Amino acid sequence: MVPTANVAPIVAAAAARARRKLIAAFDEADAYAPERAIAYQPGRRLERRYAESLRTFGAMHTGDDGKSWIERDRLRQHTARRRRRALGIVGAAVAATGAILGFSHL
């Protein structure tokens, strides 16, 4: 059995790779406007989840022809929001660890 602490960095790396792959596809085609939309079908589950997250946020759009494009400003906002949430989680974990360690020294 693999300890959970060893799995988290692997999952984080896989998610980052999926984000880079999706963004690279749109970068290569300069698909940042409806007229530059591409036929993009995410392959792996993490790519599909990231694409769905972008769609839900309003950063990725799909036209009637099935081709997709990304709004750069909304992508930046989505990325900033994701980073803020991650920092909040890390901060809460550090605070909780500090509190536990602090209480154990009483």
N, C-alpha and C. Protein backbone atom coordinates (compact mmCIF):
# COMPACT_ATOMS: atom_id res chain seq x y z
N MET A 1 0.84 -1.18 0.00
CA MET A 1 0.00 0.00 0.00
C MET A 1 0.88 1.24 0.00
N VAL A 2 0.52 2.24 -0.82
CA VAL A 2 1.28 3.49 -0.91
C VAL A 2 0.72 4.49 0.10
N PRO A 3 1.57 5.05 0.96
CA PRO A 3 1.09 6.05 1.92
C PRO A 3 0.50 7.26 1.21
N THR A 4 -0.56 7.82 1.79
CA THR A 4 -1.24 8.97 1.20
C THR A 4 -0.30 10.14 0.99
N ALA A 5 0.62 10.36 1.89
CA ALA A 5 1.56 11.48 1.78
C ALA A 5 2.42 11.36 0.52
N ASN A 6 2.66 10.15 0.06
CA ASN A 6 3.46 9.95 -1.14
C ASN A 6 2.64 10.10 -2.42
N VAL A 7 1.33 9.98 -2.33
CA VAL A 7 0.46 10.04 -3.51
C VAL A 7 0.14 11.49 -3.89
N ALA A 8 0.00 12.36 -2.90
CA ALA A 8 -0.41 13.74 -3.17
C ALA A 8 0.50 14.46 -4.18
N PRO A 9 1.83 14.38 -4.05
CA PRO A 9 2.68 15.05 -5.04
C PRO A 9 2.53 14.45 -6.44
N ILE A 10 2.27 13.16 -6.51
CA ILE A 10 2.09 12.51 -7.81
C ILE A 10 0.82 13.01 -8.48
N VAL A 11 -0.26 13.11 -7.71
CA VAL A 11 -1.52 13.60 -8.25
C VAL A 11 -1.39 15.07 -8.67
N ALA A 12 -0.72 15.85 -7.83
CA ALA A 12 -0.52 17.28 -8.16
C ALA A 12 0.29 17.44 -9.44
N ALA A 13 1.30 16.63 -9.60
CA ALA A 13 2.12 16.69 -10.82
C ALA A 13 1.31 16.28 -12.05
N ALA A 14 0.48 15.26 -11.91
CA ALA A 14 -0.36 14.81 -13.02
C ALA A 14 -1.37 15.88 -13.40
N ALA A 15 -1.95 16.55 -12.41
CA ALA A 15 -2.92 17.62 -12.67
C ALA A 15 -2.23 18.79 -13.37
N ALA A 16 -1.04 19.14 -12.93
CA ALA A 16 -0.29 20.23 -13.57
C ALA A 16 0.05 19.88 -15.02
N ARG A 17 0.42 18.64 -15.25
CA ARG A 17 0.73 18.18 -16.61
C ARG A 17 -0.52 18.27 -17.49
N ALA A 18 -1.67 17.90 -16.96
CA ALA A 18 -2.92 17.98 -17.72
C ALA A 18 -3.26 19.42 -18.07
N ARG A 19 -3.06 20.33 -17.11
CA ARG A 19 -3.32 21.76 -17.37
C ARG A 19 -2.38 22.28 -18.46
N ARG A 20 -1.09 21.93 -18.35
CA ARG A 20 -0.12 22.39 -19.36
C ARG A 20 -0.47 21.85 -20.75
N LYS A 21 -0.88 20.59 -20.82
CA LYS A 21 -1.20 19.98 -22.11
C LYS A 21 -2.40 20.67 -22.76
N LEU A 22 -3.43 20.94 -21.97
CA LEU A 22 -4.62 21.60 -22.50
C LEU A 22 -4.27 23.01 -22.98
N ILE A 23 -3.58 23.77 -22.14
CA ILE A 23 -3.22 25.15 -22.51
C ILE A 23 -2.30 25.16 -23.72
N ALA A 24 -1.37 24.21 -23.81
CA ALA A 24 -0.45 24.14 -24.95
C ALA A 24 -1.22 23.95 -26.26
N ALA A 25 -2.27 23.13 -26.24
CA ALA A 25 -3.06 22.90 -27.45
C ALA A 25 -3.69 24.20 -27.93
N PHE A 26 -4.20 24.99 -27.00
CA PHE A 26 -4.83 26.26 -27.37
C PHE A 26 -3.79 27.32 -27.74
N ASP A 27 -2.65 27.28 -27.07
CA ASP A 27 -1.56 28.21 -27.41
C ASP A 27 -1.05 27.97 -28.83
N GLU A 28 -0.83 26.70 -29.17
CA GLU A 28 -0.29 26.37 -30.50
C GLU A 28 -1.20 26.85 -31.61
N ALA A 29 -2.50 26.80 -31.39
CA ALA A 29 -3.46 27.22 -32.41
C ALA A 29 -3.89 28.68 -32.23
N ASP A 30 -3.38 29.34 -31.18
CA ASP A 30 -3.81 30.69 -30.84
C ASP A 30 -5.34 30.75 -30.77
N ALA A 31 -5.91 29.72 -30.14
CA ALA A 31 -7.37 29.57 -30.07
C ALA A 31 -7.94 30.36 -28.89
N TYR A 32 -7.81 31.68 -28.99
CA TYR A 32 -8.28 32.56 -27.93
C TYR A 32 -9.38 33.50 -28.43
N ALA A 33 -10.05 33.08 -29.49
CA ALA A 33 -11.19 33.82 -30.04
C ALA A 33 -12.04 32.83 -30.83
N PRO A 34 -13.33 33.08 -30.95
CA PRO A 34 -14.21 32.13 -31.65
C PRO A 34 -13.74 31.79 -33.06
N GLU A 35 -13.19 32.78 -33.76
CA GLU A 35 -12.75 32.52 -35.14
C GLU A 35 -11.47 31.67 -35.20
N ARG A 36 -10.80 31.47 -34.07
CA ARG A 36 -9.59 30.65 -34.01
C ARG A 36 -9.83 29.34 -33.25
N ALA A 37 -11.10 29.02 -33.01
CA ALA A 37 -11.47 27.84 -32.22
C ALA A 37 -10.91 26.56 -32.84
N ILE A 38 -10.66 25.59 -31.97
CA ILE A 38 -10.12 24.30 -32.41
C ILE A 38 -11.02 23.16 -31.95
N ALA A 39 -10.89 22.06 -32.63
CA ALA A 39 -11.59 20.83 -32.23
C ALA A 39 -10.72 20.16 -31.17
N TYR A 40 -11.00 20.44 -29.92
CA TYR A 40 -10.20 19.88 -28.84
C TYR A 40 -11.04 18.91 -28.04
N GLN A 41 -10.54 17.72 -27.90
CA GLN A 41 -11.20 16.70 -27.09
C GLN A 41 -10.20 16.23 -26.04
N PRO A 42 -10.39 16.61 -24.78
CA PRO A 42 -9.44 16.17 -23.75
C PRO A 42 -9.43 14.65 -23.65
N GLY A 43 -8.23 14.11 -23.52
CA GLY A 43 -8.10 12.67 -23.49
C GLY A 43 -8.22 12.08 -22.11
N ARG A 44 -7.37 12.48 -21.23
CA ARG A 44 -7.33 11.89 -19.89
C ARG A 44 -8.35 12.55 -18.96
N ARG A 45 -8.65 11.83 -17.90
CA ARG A 45 -9.65 12.29 -16.95
C ARG A 45 -9.28 13.65 -16.35
N LEU A 46 -8.02 13.86 -16.00
CA LEU A 46 -7.62 15.14 -15.40
C LEU A 46 -7.77 16.29 -16.40
N GLU A 47 -7.50 16.02 -17.68
CA GLU A 47 -7.71 17.04 -18.71
C GLU A 47 -9.20 17.36 -18.84
N ARG A 48 -10.03 16.33 -18.81
CA ARG A 48 -11.48 16.55 -18.90
C ARG A 48 -11.98 17.36 -17.71
N ARG A 49 -11.48 17.05 -16.52
CA ARG A 49 -11.89 17.78 -15.33
C ARG A 49 -11.45 19.25 -15.41
N TYR A 50 -10.24 19.48 -15.89
CA TYR A 50 -9.76 20.86 -16.01
C TYR A 50 -10.58 21.61 -17.06
N ALA A 51 -10.85 20.97 -18.19
CA ALA A 51 -11.66 21.60 -19.24
C ALA A 51 -13.05 21.93 -18.70
N GLU A 52 -13.64 21.03 -17.95
CA GLU A 52 -14.96 21.28 -17.38
C GLU A 52 -14.91 22.43 -16.37
N SER A 53 -13.84 22.50 -15.61
CA SER A 53 -13.66 23.60 -14.67
C SER A 53 -13.58 24.93 -15.41
N LEU A 54 -12.83 24.94 -16.51
CA LEU A 54 -12.73 26.17 -17.32
C LEU A 54 -14.08 26.54 -17.92
N ARG A 55 -14.83 25.55 -18.38
CA ARG A 55 -16.15 25.83 -18.96
C ARG A 55 -17.10 26.38 -17.90
N THR A 56 -17.11 25.75 -16.74
CA THR A 56 -17.98 26.19 -15.65
C THR A 56 -17.65 27.61 -15.23
N PHE A 57 -16.38 27.95 -15.22
CA PHE A 57 -15.92 29.28 -14.83
C PHE A 57 -16.20 30.31 -15.93
N GLY A 58 -16.43 29.85 -17.15
CA GLY A 58 -16.67 30.76 -18.27
C GLY A 58 -15.41 31.14 -19.01
N ALA A 59 -14.35 30.35 -18.85
CA ALA A 59 -13.09 30.64 -19.54
C ALA A 59 -12.98 29.88 -20.86
N MET A 60 -13.62 28.73 -20.95
CA MET A 60 -13.59 27.93 -22.18
C MET A 60 -15.00 27.87 -22.76
N HIS A 61 -15.07 28.06 -24.07
CA HIS A 61 -16.36 28.05 -24.76
C HIS A 61 -16.31 27.07 -25.92
N THR A 62 -17.46 26.52 -26.23
CA THR A 62 -17.57 25.62 -27.38
C THR A 62 -18.69 26.14 -28.27
N GLY A 63 -18.37 26.32 -29.54
CA GLY A 63 -19.34 26.83 -30.49
C GLY A 63 -20.27 25.74 -30.99
N ASP A 64 -21.22 26.13 -31.81
CA ASP A 64 -22.18 25.19 -32.40
C ASP A 64 -21.50 24.12 -33.24
N ASP A 65 -20.33 24.45 -33.78
CA ASP A 65 -19.60 23.49 -34.62
C ASP A 65 -18.77 22.51 -33.79
N GLY A 66 -18.81 22.65 -32.45
CA GLY A 66 -18.07 21.75 -31.57
C GLY A 66 -16.64 22.18 -31.31
N LYS A 67 -16.22 23.27 -31.92
CA LYS A 67 -14.86 23.76 -31.71
C LYS A 67 -14.81 24.67 -30.48
N SER A 68 -13.67 24.66 -29.80
CA SER A 68 -13.53 25.39 -28.54
C SER A 68 -12.47 26.48 -28.62
N TRP A 69 -12.63 27.48 -27.77
CA TRP A 69 -11.65 28.53 -27.60
C TRP A 69 -11.65 28.96 -26.14
N ILE A 70 -10.60 29.65 -25.75
CA ILE A 70 -10.45 30.10 -24.37
C ILE A 70 -10.33 31.61 -24.35
N GLU A 71 -10.99 32.23 -23.38
CA GLU A 71 -10.83 33.67 -23.15
C GLU A 71 -9.64 33.85 -22.22
N ARG A 72 -8.62 34.56 -22.69
CA ARG A 72 -7.38 34.73 -21.90
C ARG A 72 -7.63 35.38 -20.53
N ASP A 73 -8.41 36.44 -20.49
CA ASP A 73 -8.65 37.11 -19.21
C ASP A 73 -9.33 36.19 -18.21
N ARG A 74 -10.32 35.45 -18.68
CA ARG A 74 -11.02 34.51 -17.79
C ARG A 74 -10.08 33.38 -17.37
N LEU A 75 -9.19 32.95 -18.26
CA LEU A 75 -8.21 31.92 -17.91
C LEU A 75 -7.30 32.43 -16.80
N ARG A 76 -6.83 33.67 -16.91
CA ARG A 76 -5.99 34.26 -15.86
C ARG A 76 -6.74 34.33 -14.53
N GLN A 77 -8.00 34.73 -14.59
CA GLN A 77 -8.81 34.80 -13.37
C GLN A 77 -8.99 33.41 -12.76
N HIS A 78 -9.23 32.43 -13.60
CA HIS A 78 -9.41 31.05 -13.13
C HIS A 78 -8.13 30.55 -12.46
N THR A 79 -7.00 30.83 -13.08
CA THR A 79 -5.71 30.40 -12.53
C THR A 79 -5.44 31.09 -11.20
N ALA A 80 -5.71 32.38 -11.13
CA ALA A 80 -5.50 33.13 -9.88
C ALA A 80 -6.40 32.59 -8.77
N ARG A 81 -7.64 32.30 -9.11
CA ARG A 81 -8.58 31.75 -8.12
C ARG A 81 -8.11 30.40 -7.61
N ARG A 82 -7.65 29.55 -8.53
CA ARG A 82 -7.17 28.22 -8.16
C ARG A 82 -5.96 28.33 -7.24
N ARG A 83 -5.07 29.25 -7.55
CA ARG A 83 -3.87 29.44 -6.71
C ARG A 83 -4.23 29.96 -5.32
N ARG A 84 -5.17 30.91 -5.27
CA ARG A 84 -5.60 31.44 -3.96
C ARG A 84 -6.20 30.33 -3.11
N ARG A 85 -7.01 29.49 -3.71
CA ARG A 85 -7.62 28.39 -2.97
C ARG A 85 -6.55 27.42 -2.48
N ALA A 86 -5.58 27.11 -3.32
CA ALA A 86 -4.51 26.19 -2.92
C ALA A 86 -3.69 26.78 -1.78
N LEU A 87 -3.38 28.07 -1.86
CA LEU A 87 -2.63 28.72 -0.79
C LEU A 87 -3.43 28.74 0.51
N GLY A 88 -4.73 28.92 0.40
CA GLY A 88 -5.60 28.89 1.58
C GLY A 88 -5.59 27.54 2.25
N ILE A 89 -5.62 26.48 1.43
CA ILE A 89 -5.59 25.12 1.97
C ILE A 89 -4.26 24.85 2.65
N VAL A 90 -3.18 25.24 2.01
CA VAL A 90 -1.85 25.04 2.60
C VAL A 90 -1.73 25.85 3.88
N GLY A 91 -2.20 27.09 3.87
CA GLY A 91 -2.15 27.93 5.06
C GLY A 91 -2.94 27.33 6.22
N ALA A 92 -4.11 26.80 5.92
CA ALA A 92 -4.93 26.18 6.96
C ALA A 92 -4.23 24.94 7.52
N ALA A 93 -3.60 24.17 6.65
CA ALA A 93 -2.89 22.97 7.11
C ALA A 93 -1.70 23.36 8.00
N VAL A 94 -0.98 24.40 7.62
CA VAL A 94 0.15 24.86 8.43
C VAL A 94 -0.34 25.37 9.78
N ALA A 95 -1.43 26.13 9.77
CA ALA A 95 -1.98 26.65 11.02
C ALA A 95 -2.45 25.52 11.92
N ALA A 96 -3.12 24.53 11.35
CA ALA A 96 -3.60 23.39 12.14
C ALA A 96 -2.42 22.61 12.71
N THR A 97 -1.40 22.41 11.91
CA THR A 97 -0.20 21.70 12.40
C THR A 97 0.45 22.48 13.53
N GLY A 98 0.56 23.78 13.35
CA GLY A 98 1.14 24.62 14.40
C GLY A 98 0.33 24.57 15.68
N ALA A 99 -0.99 24.58 15.55
CA ALA A 99 -1.85 24.51 16.73
C ALA A 99 -1.69 23.17 17.44
N ILE A 100 -1.65 22.10 16.67
CA ILE A 100 -1.48 20.77 17.27
C ILE A 100 -0.14 20.66 17.96
N LEU A 101 0.91 21.13 17.31
CA LEU A 101 2.23 21.07 17.92
C LEU A 101 2.33 21.98 19.14
N GLY A 102 1.67 23.13 19.05
CA GLY A 102 1.67 24.06 20.19
C GLY A 102 0.96 23.48 21.39
N PHE A 103 -0.18 22.82 21.17
CA PHE A 103 -0.93 22.22 22.27
C PHE A 103 -0.22 21.01 22.86
N SER A 104 0.59 20.36 22.06
CA SER A 104 1.26 19.16 22.56
C SER A 104 2.42 19.52 23.49
N HIS A 105 2.81 20.80 23.51
CA HIS A 105 3.92 21.22 24.37
C HIS A 105 3.43 21.87 25.67
N LEU A 106 2.13 21.82 25.93
CA LEU A 106 1.60 22.41 27.16
C LEU A 106 1.82 21.54 28.35
